[in-house]
Amino acid sequence: MFKLIILSLVIVALGAFELYATWRYYQKMQAKGQNMLSAGRLWAGLISGGALFLIGLSAFVSAFF
């Protein structure tokens, strides 16, 4: 159980970092005056970061039930 909690927290942290890095990339592109809403990197970062975050969160919750 302890290993699952640690692993799920690591996955949540990776997902949060992926979302943060995507947000920073988006902010940097906006500062340059580029509209990046259609960029594949933005959507890939949002989807993969959100998926990692939700998988880690669900693993954390399932560790207690």
C-alpha atoms as a PDB file:
ATOM      1  CA  MET A   1       0.000   0.000   0.000  1.00  0.00           C
ATOM      2  CA  PHE A   2       2.827   2.390   0.861  1.00  0.00           C
ATOM      3  CA  LYS A   3       4.516   1.767  -2.497  1.00  0.00           C
ATOM      4  CA  LEU A   4       1.262   2.493  -4.325  1.00  0.00           C
ATOM      5  CA  ILE A   5       0.829   5.772  -2.460  1.00  0.00           C
ATOM      6  CA  ILE A   6       4.381   6.867  -3.283  1.00  0.00           C
ATOM      7  CA  LEU A   7       4.004   5.816  -6.925  1.00  0.00           C
ATOM      8  CA  SER A   8       0.684   7.625  -7.272  1.00  0.00           C
ATOM      9  CA  LEU A   9       2.151  10.798  -5.768  1.00  0.00           C
ATOM     10  CA  VAL A  10       5.049  10.624  -8.224  1.00  0.00           C
ATOM     11  CA  ILE A  11       2.604  10.233 -11.127  1.00  0.00           C
ATOM     12  CA  VAL A  12       0.528  13.170  -9.866  1.00  0.00           C
ATOM     13  CA  ALA A  13       3.701  15.272  -9.601  1.00  0.00           C
ATOM     14  CA  LEU A  14       4.731  14.337 -13.146  1.00  0.00           C
ATOM     15  CA  GLY A  15       1.298  15.260 -14.453  1.00  0.00           C
ATOM     16  CA  ALA A  16       1.331  18.564 -12.608  1.00  0.00           C
ATOM     17  CA  PHE A  17       4.795  19.329 -13.951  1.00  0.00           C
ATOM     18  CA  GLU A  18       3.672  18.495 -17.493  1.00  0.00           C
ATOM     19  CA  LEU A  19       0.709  20.855 -17.155  1.00  0.00           C
ATOM     20  CA  TYR A  20       2.952  23.571 -15.700  1.00  0.00           C
ATOM     21  CA  ALA A  21       5.517  23.176 -18.490  1.00  0.00           C
ATOM     22  CA  THR A  22       2.746  23.371 -21.086  1.00  0.00           C
ATOM     23  CA  TRP A  23       1.379  26.520 -19.470  1.00  0.00           C
ATOM     24  CA  ARG A  24       4.866  28.098 -19.452  1.00  0.00           C
ATOM     25  CA  TYR A  25       5.347  27.190 -23.121  1.00  0.00           C
ATOM     26  CA  TYR A  26       1.975  28.715 -23.989  1.00  0.00           C
ATOM     27  CA  GLN A  27       2.787  31.907 -22.066  1.00  0.00           C
ATOM     28  CA  LYS A  28       6.142  32.191 -23.838  1.00  0.00           C
ATOM     29  CA  MET A  29       4.507  31.824 -27.244  1.00  0.00           C
ATOM     30  CA  GLN A  30       1.877  34.439 -26.363  1.00  0.00           C
ATOM     31  CA  ALA A  31       4.634  36.860 -25.357  1.00  0.00           C
ATOM     32  CA  LYS A  32       6.140  36.417 -28.827  1.00  0.00           C
ATOM     33  CA  GLY A  33       2.770  37.227 -30.346  1.00  0.00           C
ATOM     34  CA  GLN A  34       2.042  33.751 -31.675  1.00  0.00           C
ATOM     35  CA  ASN A  35      -1.367  32.158 -31.226  1.00  0.00           C
ATOM     36  CA  MET A  36      -0.670  28.589 -30.185  1.00  0.00           C
ATOM     37  CA  LEU A  37      -4.203  27.280 -29.569  1.00  0.00           C
ATOM     38  CA  SER A  38      -3.968  25.129 -32.680  1.00  0.00           C
ATOM     39  CA  ALA A  39      -0.471  23.850 -31.938  1.00  0.00           C
ATOM     40  CA  GLY A  40      -0.099  20.119 -31.470  1.00  0.00           C
ATOM     41  CA  ARG A  41       2.417  20.541 -28.668  1.00  0.00           C
ATOM     42  CA  LEU A  42      -0.065  22.508 -26.588  1.00  0.00           C
ATOM     43  CA  TRP A  43      -2.830  19.934 -26.916  1.00  0.00           C
ATOM     44  CA  ALA A  44      -0.435  17.014 -26.419  1.00  0.00           C
ATOM     45  CA  GLY A  45       0.839  18.622 -23.220  1.00  0.00           C
ATOM     46  CA  LEU A  46      -2.643  19.264 -21.915  1.00  0.00           C
ATOM     47  CA  ILE A  47      -3.883  15.762 -22.697  1.00  0.00           C
ATOM     48  CA  SER A  48      -0.815  13.904 -21.417  1.00  0.00           C
ATOM     49  CA  GLY A  49      -0.460  16.094 -18.317  1.00  0.00           C
ATOM     50  CA  GLY A  50      -4.143  15.820 -17.495  1.00  0.00           C
ATOM     51  CA  ALA A  51      -4.126  12.073 -18.052  1.00  0.00           C
ATOM     52  CA  LEU A  52      -1.079  11.566 -15.824  1.00  0.00           C
ATOM     53  CA  PHE A  53      -2.595  13.738 -13.126  1.00  0.00           C
ATOM     54  CA  LEU A  54      -5.921  11.899 -13.187  1.00  0.00           C
ATOM     55  CA  ILE A  55      -4.294   8.440 -13.287  1.00  0.00           C
ATOM     56  CA  GLY A  56      -2.120   9.326 -10.310  1.00  0.00           C
ATOM     57  CA  LEU A  57      -5.069  10.771  -8.442  1.00  0.00           C
ATOM     58  CA  SER A  58      -7.205   7.696  -9.059  1.00  0.00           C
ATOM     59  CA  ALA A  59      -4.365   5.413  -7.948  1.00  0.00           C
ATOM     60  CA  PHE A  60      -3.958   7.475  -4.786  1.00  0.00           C
ATOM     61  CA  VAL A  61      -7.673   7.229  -3.995  1.00  0.00           C
ATOM     62  CA  SER A  62      -7.760   3.492  -4.764  1.00  0.00           C
ATOM     63  CA  ALA A  63      -4.893   2.924  -2.320  1.00  0.00           C
ATOM     64  CA  PHE A  64      -7.261   3.710   0.529  1.00  0.00           C
ATOM     65  CA  PHE A  65     -10.320   1.791  -0.691  1.00  0.00           C
END
